[in-house]
Amino acid sequence: MRTLAVILFLSVSCFAAEQKAVFAGGCFWGVEAVFENLKGVIDVRSGYSGGTAKTANYEDVSYHRSTHAEAVEIRFDPAKVTYQQLLNIFFIVAHDPTEVDRQGPDTGKQYRSAIFYSDDSQLAAAKAFIAALEKSKVYERPIATKLEKLSAFYSAEDEHQNYVKNNPTDAYVVRNDLPKLDALKRAFPNLIK
């Protein structure tokens, strides 16, 4: 009986360690592909944040009938990859944080750069990271990333999940998303699965 109690405790302890981060950085396909390749990342889902459940669908978001951003929810083990490391990859590889309501060929508020923070520690970490980037002058233009309190994350339709992995020869993916994966491998080889 004692062994079972220890196993149950360990299972609960491991589950409790899992954390979530929600980032928006343009089309969710490429952002999802970047994060699902990291050690310590348990799962990544493409979806929508910043709006209501009623408008959490691709058609409403694409046709500007929503306040949602295309976003990704990252479930991760903070013992293997930290929130700060995720922020670093988000700002350096996953998207251009200086673009306002766009990323590459995609334009509109649904493609905004945003961090949907779930608690005060994520908010503080994001603010500090942005302040450090601005102070270092890594980018010539100001950081456009918005910090928004996470109210909900809604998973996107099935055809948007693992899109880059399932469609590696899609012209959009080849032009916009595969270069992000190459940049990830060059900049963070020790974090790749």
C-alpha atoms as a PDB file:
ATOM      1  CA  MET A   1       0.000   0.000   0.000  1.00  0.00           C
ATOM      2  CA  ARG A   2       2.862   2.363   0.844  1.00  0.00           C
ATOM      3  CA  THR A   3       4.398   1.765  -2.633  1.00  0.00           C
ATOM      4  CA  LEU A   4       1.110   2.694  -4.290  1.00  0.00           C
ATOM      5  CA  ALA A   5       0.930   5.896  -2.229  1.00  0.00           C
ATOM      6  CA  VAL A   6       4.482   6.847  -3.272  1.00  0.00           C
ATOM      7  CA  ILE A   7       3.691   6.175  -6.948  1.00  0.00           C
ATOM      8  CA  LEU A   8       0.516   8.243  -6.724  1.00  0.00           C
ATOM      9  CA  PHE A   9       2.421  11.078  -5.017  1.00  0.00           C
ATOM     10  CA  LEU A  10       5.112  11.017  -7.692  1.00  0.00           C
ATOM     11  CA  SER A  11       2.501  11.034 -10.463  1.00  0.00           C
ATOM     12  CA  VAL A  12       0.705  14.000  -8.920  1.00  0.00           C
ATOM     13  CA  SER A  13       4.006  15.796  -8.329  1.00  0.00           C
ATOM     14  CA  CYS A  14       5.072  15.321 -11.952  1.00  0.00           C
ATOM     15  CA  PHE A  15       1.703  16.510 -13.226  1.00  0.00           C
ATOM     16  CA  ALA A  16       1.776  19.558 -10.947  1.00  0.00           C
ATOM     17  CA  ALA A  17       5.122  20.617 -12.401  1.00  0.00           C
ATOM     18  CA  GLU A  18       3.671  21.050 -15.889  1.00  0.00           C
ATOM     19  CA  GLN A  19       3.100  24.673 -16.904  1.00  0.00           C
ATOM     20  CA  LYS A  20       1.476  26.440 -19.843  1.00  0.00           C
ATOM     21  CA  ALA A  21       2.454  29.424 -21.949  1.00  0.00           C
ATOM     22  CA  VAL A  22       0.289  31.078 -24.601  1.00  0.00           C
ATOM     23  CA  PHE A  23       1.960  33.137 -27.334  1.00  0.00           C
ATOM     24  CA  ALA A  24       0.665  34.795 -30.501  1.00  0.00           C
ATOM     25  CA  GLY A  25       3.129  35.640 -33.250  1.00  0.00           C
ATOM     26  CA  GLY A  26       1.436  35.599 -36.631  1.00  0.00           C
ATOM     27  CA  CYS A  27       0.124  32.484 -38.319  1.00  0.00           C
ATOM     28  CA  PHE A  28      -0.018  29.769 -35.687  1.00  0.00           C
ATOM     29  CA  TRP A  29       1.381  27.082 -38.006  1.00  0.00           C
ATOM     30  CA  GLY A  30       4.995  28.210 -37.826  1.00  0.00           C
ATOM     31  CA  VAL A  31       4.881  29.226 -34.169  1.00  0.00           C
ATOM     32  CA  GLU A  32       3.518  25.789 -33.266  1.00  0.00           C
ATOM     33  CA  ALA A  33       6.247  24.078 -35.331  1.00  0.00           C
ATOM     34  CA  VAL A  34       9.018  26.001 -33.565  1.00  0.00           C
ATOM     35  CA  PHE A  35       7.885  25.115 -30.055  1.00  0.00           C
ATOM     36  CA  GLU A  36       6.970  21.487 -30.678  1.00  0.00           C
ATOM     37  CA  ASN A  37      10.628  20.827 -31.527  1.00  0.00           C
ATOM     38  CA  LEU A  38      11.931  21.791 -28.074  1.00  0.00           C
ATOM     39  CA  LYS A  39      13.121  19.523 -25.282  1.00  0.00           C
ATOM     40  CA  GLY A  40      10.822  19.836 -22.306  1.00  0.00           C
ATOM     41  CA  VAL A  41       7.795  20.777 -24.384  1.00  0.00           C
ATOM     42  CA  ILE A  42       5.053  18.245 -23.770  1.00  0.00           C
ATOM     43  CA  ASP A  43       2.494  19.476 -26.291  1.00  0.00           C
ATOM     44  CA  VAL A  44       1.699  22.489 -28.481  1.00  0.00           C
ATOM     45  CA  ARG A  45      -1.763  23.347 -29.773  1.00  0.00           C
ATOM     46  CA  SER A  46      -2.705  25.953 -32.351  1.00  0.00           C
ATOM     47  CA  GLY A  47      -5.727  27.999 -31.390  1.00  0.00           C
ATOM     48  CA  TYR A  48      -7.221  31.341 -30.527  1.00  0.00           C
ATOM     49  CA  SER A  49      -6.923  33.724 -27.574  1.00  0.00           C
ATOM     50  CA  GLY A  50      -8.230  37.195 -26.875  1.00  0.00           C
ATOM     51  CA  GLY A  51     -11.863  36.739 -27.809  1.00  0.00           C
ATOM     52  CA  THR A  52     -15.025  34.825 -27.005  1.00  0.00           C
ATOM     53  CA  ALA A  53     -15.857  31.137 -27.376  1.00  0.00           C
ATOM     54  CA  LYS A  54     -18.473  32.019 -30.007  1.00  0.00           C
ATOM     55  CA  THR A  55     -15.868  33.520 -32.374  1.00  0.00           C
ATOM     56  CA  ALA A  56     -13.084  31.005 -31.695  1.00  0.00           C
ATOM     57  CA  ASN A  57     -13.044  29.580 -35.193  1.00  0.00           C
ATOM     58  CA  TYR A  58     -10.889  30.118 -38.255  1.00  0.00           C
ATOM     59  CA  GLU A  59     -13.579  31.784 -40.345  1.00  0.00           C
ATOM     60  CA  ASP A  60     -14.515  34.439 -37.774  1.00  0.00           C
ATOM     61  CA  VAL A  61     -10.881  35.107 -36.883  1.00  0.00           C
ATOM     62  CA  SER A  62      -9.750  35.308 -40.527  1.00  0.00           C
ATOM     63  CA  TYR A  63     -12.570  37.624 -41.555  1.00  0.00           C
ATOM     64  CA  HIS A  64     -11.983  40.035 -38.646  1.00  0.00           C
ATOM     65  CA  ARG A  65     -15.236  39.137 -36.876  1.00  0.00           C
ATOM     66  CA  SER A  66     -13.333  38.445 -33.678  1.00  0.00           C
ATOM     67  CA  THR A  67     -10.846  39.990 -31.266  1.00  0.00           C
ATOM     68  CA  HIS A  68      -8.849  36.746 -31.170  1.00  0.00           C
ATOM     69  CA  ALA A  69      -5.232  36.347 -32.157  1.00  0.00           C
ATOM     70  CA  GLU A  70      -3.985  33.144 -33.735  1.00  0.00           C
ATOM     71  CA  ALA A  71      -2.045  31.708 -30.807  1.00  0.00           C
ATOM     72  CA  VAL A  72      -0.341  28.588 -29.526  1.00  0.00           C
ATOM     73  CA  GLU A  73      -0.669  26.947 -26.131  1.00  0.00           C
ATOM     74  CA  ILE A  74       2.582  25.340 -25.008  1.00  0.00           C
ATOM     75  CA  ARG A  75       2.517  22.736 -22.243  1.00  0.00           C
ATOM     76  CA  PHE A  76       6.024  22.367 -20.857  1.00  0.00           C
ATOM     77  CA  ASP A  77       8.116  20.899 -18.066  1.00  0.00           C
ATOM     78  CA  PRO A  78       9.894  23.844 -16.385  1.00  0.00           C
ATOM     79  CA  ALA A  79      12.595  21.482 -15.096  1.00  0.00           C
ATOM     80  CA  LYS A  80      13.642  20.899 -18.737  1.00  0.00           C
ATOM     81  CA  VAL A  81      12.829  24.204 -20.436  1.00  0.00           C
ATOM     82  CA  THR A  82      12.095  27.437 -18.599  1.00  0.00           C
ATOM     83  CA  TYR A  83       9.523  30.100 -19.346  1.00  0.00           C
ATOM     84  CA  GLN A  84      12.430  32.505 -19.965  1.00  0.00           C
ATOM     85  CA  GLN A  85      13.875  30.129 -22.581  1.00  0.00           C
ATOM     86  CA  LEU A  86      10.456  29.978 -24.260  1.00  0.00           C
ATOM     87  CA  LEU A  87      10.341  33.776 -24.262  1.00  0.00           C
ATOM     88  CA  ASN A  88      13.790  33.897 -25.818  1.00  0.00           C
ATOM     89  CA  ILE A  89      12.750  31.572 -28.634  1.00  0.00           C
ATOM     90  CA  PHE A  90       9.464  33.433 -29.101  1.00  0.00           C
ATOM     91  CA  PHE A  91      11.227  36.777 -29.539  1.00  0.00           C
ATOM     92  CA  ILE A  92      14.292  35.601 -31.472  1.00  0.00           C
ATOM     93  CA  VAL A  93      13.041  32.775 -33.708  1.00  0.00           C
ATOM     94  CA  ALA A  94       9.258  32.305 -33.750  1.00  0.00           C
ATOM     95  CA  HIS A  95       8.291  35.746 -35.077  1.00  0.00           C
ATOM     96  CA  ASP A  96       9.283  39.387 -35.549  1.00  0.00           C
ATOM     97  CA  PRO A  97       8.142  41.198 -32.383  1.00  0.00           C
ATOM     98  CA  THR A  98       8.450  44.625 -34.016  1.00  0.00           C
ATOM     99  CA  GLU A  99       5.683  44.122 -36.561  1.00  0.00           C
ATOM    100  CA  VAL A 100       2.308  45.611 -35.643  1.00  0.00           C
ATOM    101  CA  ASP A 101      -0.749  43.496 -36.506  1.00  0.00           C
ATOM    102  CA  ARG A 102       1.124  41.453 -39.076  1.00  0.00           C
ATOM    103  CA  GLN A 103       3.796  38.823 -39.641  1.00  0.00           C
ATOM    104  CA  GLY A 104       5.358  38.492 -43.058  1.00  0.00           C
ATOM    105  CA  PRO A 105       2.600  38.191 -45.664  1.00  0.00           C
ATOM    106  CA  ASP A 106      -0.206  37.991 -43.086  1.00  0.00           C
ATOM    107  CA  THR A 107      -1.915  41.199 -41.971  1.00  0.00           C
ATOM    108  CA  GLY A 108      -4.615  41.952 -39.441  1.00  0.00           C
ATOM    109  CA  LYS A 109      -5.098  42.121 -35.695  1.00  0.00           C
ATOM    110  CA  GLN A 110      -5.391  38.320 -35.562  1.00  0.00           C
ATOM    111  CA  TYR A 111      -1.675  38.173 -36.446  1.00  0.00           C
ATOM    112  CA  ARG A 112      -0.569  40.498 -33.644  1.00  0.00           C
ATOM    113  CA  SER A 113       2.382  39.755 -31.427  1.00  0.00           C
ATOM    114  CA  ALA A 114       1.078  38.974 -27.949  1.00  0.00           C
ATOM    115  CA  ILE A 115       1.890  37.131 -24.777  1.00  0.00           C
ATOM    116  CA  PHE A 116      -1.210  35.887 -22.980  1.00  0.00           C
ATOM    117  CA  TYR A 117       0.062  35.644 -19.426  1.00  0.00           C
ATOM    118  CA  SER A 118      -1.689  33.426 -16.887  1.00  0.00           C
ATOM    119  CA  ASP A 119      -0.250  34.844 -13.676  1.00  0.00           C
ATOM    120  CA  ASP A 120       1.863  37.625 -12.182  1.00  0.00           C
ATOM    121  CA  SER A 121       5.117  35.686 -12.568  1.00  0.00           C
ATOM    122  CA  GLN A 122       4.590  35.271 -16.331  1.00  0.00           C
ATOM    123  CA  LEU A 123       3.669  38.959 -16.613  1.00  0.00           C
ATOM    124  CA  ALA A 124       6.782  40.029 -14.698  1.00  0.00           C
ATOM    125  CA  ALA A 125       9.022  37.741 -16.769  1.00  0.00           C
ATOM    126  CA  ALA A 126       7.566  39.045 -20.046  1.00  0.00           C
ATOM    127  CA  LYS A 127       7.897  42.698 -18.982  1.00  0.00           C
ATOM    128  CA  ALA A 128      11.497  42.152 -17.902  1.00  0.00           C
ATOM    129  CA  PHE A 129      12.332  40.337 -21.139  1.00  0.00           C
ATOM    130  CA  ILE A 130      10.858  43.101 -23.301  1.00  0.00           C
ATOM    131  CA  ALA A 131      12.664  45.775 -21.261  1.00  0.00           C
ATOM    132  CA  ALA A 132      15.977  43.918 -21.717  1.00  0.00           C
ATOM    133  CA  LEU A 133      15.405  43.618 -25.483  1.00  0.00           C
ATOM    134  CA  GLU A 134      14.607  47.305 -25.798  1.00  0.00           C
ATOM    135  CA  LYS A 135      17.611  48.307 -23.696  1.00  0.00           C
ATOM    136  CA  SER A 136      19.956  46.105 -25.724  1.00  0.00           C
ATOM    137  CA  LYS A 137      18.719  47.601 -29.025  1.00  0.00           C
ATOM    138  CA  VAL A 138      18.625  44.132 -30.623  1.00  0.00           C
ATOM    139  CA  TYR A 139      15.886  45.440 -32.903  1.00  0.00           C
ATOM    140  CA  GLU A 140      15.961  48.764 -34.738  1.00  0.00           C
ATOM    141  CA  ARG A 141      12.209  49.242 -34.223  1.00  0.00           C
ATOM    142  CA  PRO A 142      10.332  49.153 -30.902  1.00  0.00           C
ATOM    143  CA  ILE A 143       8.876  45.906 -29.592  1.00  0.00           C
ATOM    144  CA  ALA A 144       5.186  45.721 -30.574  1.00  0.00           C
ATOM    145  CA  THR A 145       4.326  42.676 -28.448  1.00  0.00           C
ATOM    146  CA  LYS A 146       1.215  43.197 -26.330  1.00  0.00           C
ATOM    147  CA  LEU A 147       0.835  41.674 -22.883  1.00  0.00           C
ATOM    148  CA  GLU A 148      -2.710  40.423 -22.464  1.00  0.00           C
ATOM    149  CA  LYS A 149      -4.227  38.593 -19.497  1.00  0.00           C
ATOM    150  CA  LEU A 150      -5.198  35.072 -20.575  1.00  0.00           C
ATOM    151  CA  SER A 151      -8.916  34.587 -20.226  1.00  0.00           C
ATOM    152  CA  ALA A 152      -9.126  31.427 -22.321  1.00  0.00           C
ATOM    153  CA  PHE A 153      -7.381  29.451 -25.017  1.00  0.00           C
ATOM    154  CA  TYR A 154      -9.529  27.714 -27.633  1.00  0.00           C
ATOM    155  CA  SER A 155      -8.027  24.960 -29.780  1.00  0.00           C
ATOM    156  CA  ALA A 156      -8.152  25.520 -33.524  1.00  0.00           C
ATOM    157  CA  GLU A 157      -9.743  23.112 -35.927  1.00  0.00           C
ATOM    158  CA  ASP A 158      -7.995  19.762 -36.489  1.00  0.00           C
ATOM    159  CA  GLU A 159      -6.631  20.724 -39.926  1.00  0.00           C
ATOM    160  CA  HIS A 160      -4.541  23.475 -38.283  1.00  0.00           C
ATOM    161  CA  GLN A 161      -2.858  21.171 -35.748  1.00  0.00           C
ATOM    162  CA  ASN A 162       0.681  20.052 -36.652  1.00  0.00           C
ATOM    163  CA  TYR A 163       0.242  21.804 -39.984  1.00  0.00           C
ATOM    164  CA  VAL A 164       3.938  22.229 -40.787  1.00  0.00           C
ATOM    165  CA  LYS A 165       4.729  18.628 -39.886  1.00  0.00           C
ATOM    166  CA  ASN A 166       1.802  17.365 -41.981  1.00  0.00           C
ATOM    167  CA  ASN A 167       2.350  19.739 -44.931  1.00  0.00           C
ATOM    168  CA  PRO A 168       6.118  20.299 -45.281  1.00  0.00           C
ATOM    169  CA  THR A 169       5.901  21.027 -49.028  1.00  0.00           C
ATOM    170  CA  ASP A 170       3.052  23.563 -48.799  1.00  0.00           C
ATOM    171  CA  ALA A 171       4.302  26.754 -50.509  1.00  0.00           C
ATOM    172  CA  TYR A 172       3.387  28.953 -47.507  1.00  0.00           C
ATOM    173  CA  VAL A 173       5.204  26.585 -45.131  1.00  0.00           C
ATOM    174  CA  VAL A 174       8.322  26.406 -47.325  1.00  0.00           C
ATOM    175  CA  ARG A 175       8.511  30.189 -47.635  1.00  0.00           C
ATOM    176  CA  ASN A 176       7.519  31.274 -44.120  1.00  0.00           C
ATOM    177  CA  ASP A 177       7.832  28.426 -41.617  1.00  0.00           C
ATOM    178  CA  LEU A 178      10.721  26.157 -42.578  1.00  0.00           C
ATOM    179  CA  PRO A 179      13.180  29.084 -42.287  1.00  0.00           C
ATOM    180  CA  LYS A 180      12.060  29.462 -38.639  1.00  0.00           C
ATOM    181  CA  LEU A 181      12.929  25.827 -37.979  1.00  0.00           C
ATOM    182  CA  ASP A 182      16.342  26.308 -39.596  1.00  0.00           C
ATOM    183  CA  ALA A 183      16.923  29.398 -37.437  1.00  0.00           C
ATOM    184  CA  LEU A 184      15.893  27.458 -34.327  1.00  0.00           C
ATOM    185  CA  LYS A 185      18.403  24.701 -35.082  1.00  0.00           C
ATOM    186  CA  ARG A 186      21.183  27.237 -35.617  1.00  0.00           C
ATOM    187  CA  ALA A 187      20.429  29.466 -32.618  1.00  0.00           C
ATOM    188  CA  PHE A 188      19.366  26.875 -30.021  1.00  0.00           C
ATOM    189  CA  PRO A 189      20.836  23.465 -30.964  1.00  0.00           C
ATOM    190  CA  ASN A 190      21.010  22.371 -27.309  1.00  0.00           C
ATOM    191  CA  LEU A 191      17.230  22.812 -26.892  1.00  0.00           C
ATOM    192  CA  ILE A 192      16.158  20.725 -29.921  1.00  0.00           C
ATOM    193  CA  LYS A 193      14.501  17.350 -29.268  1.00  0.00           C
END
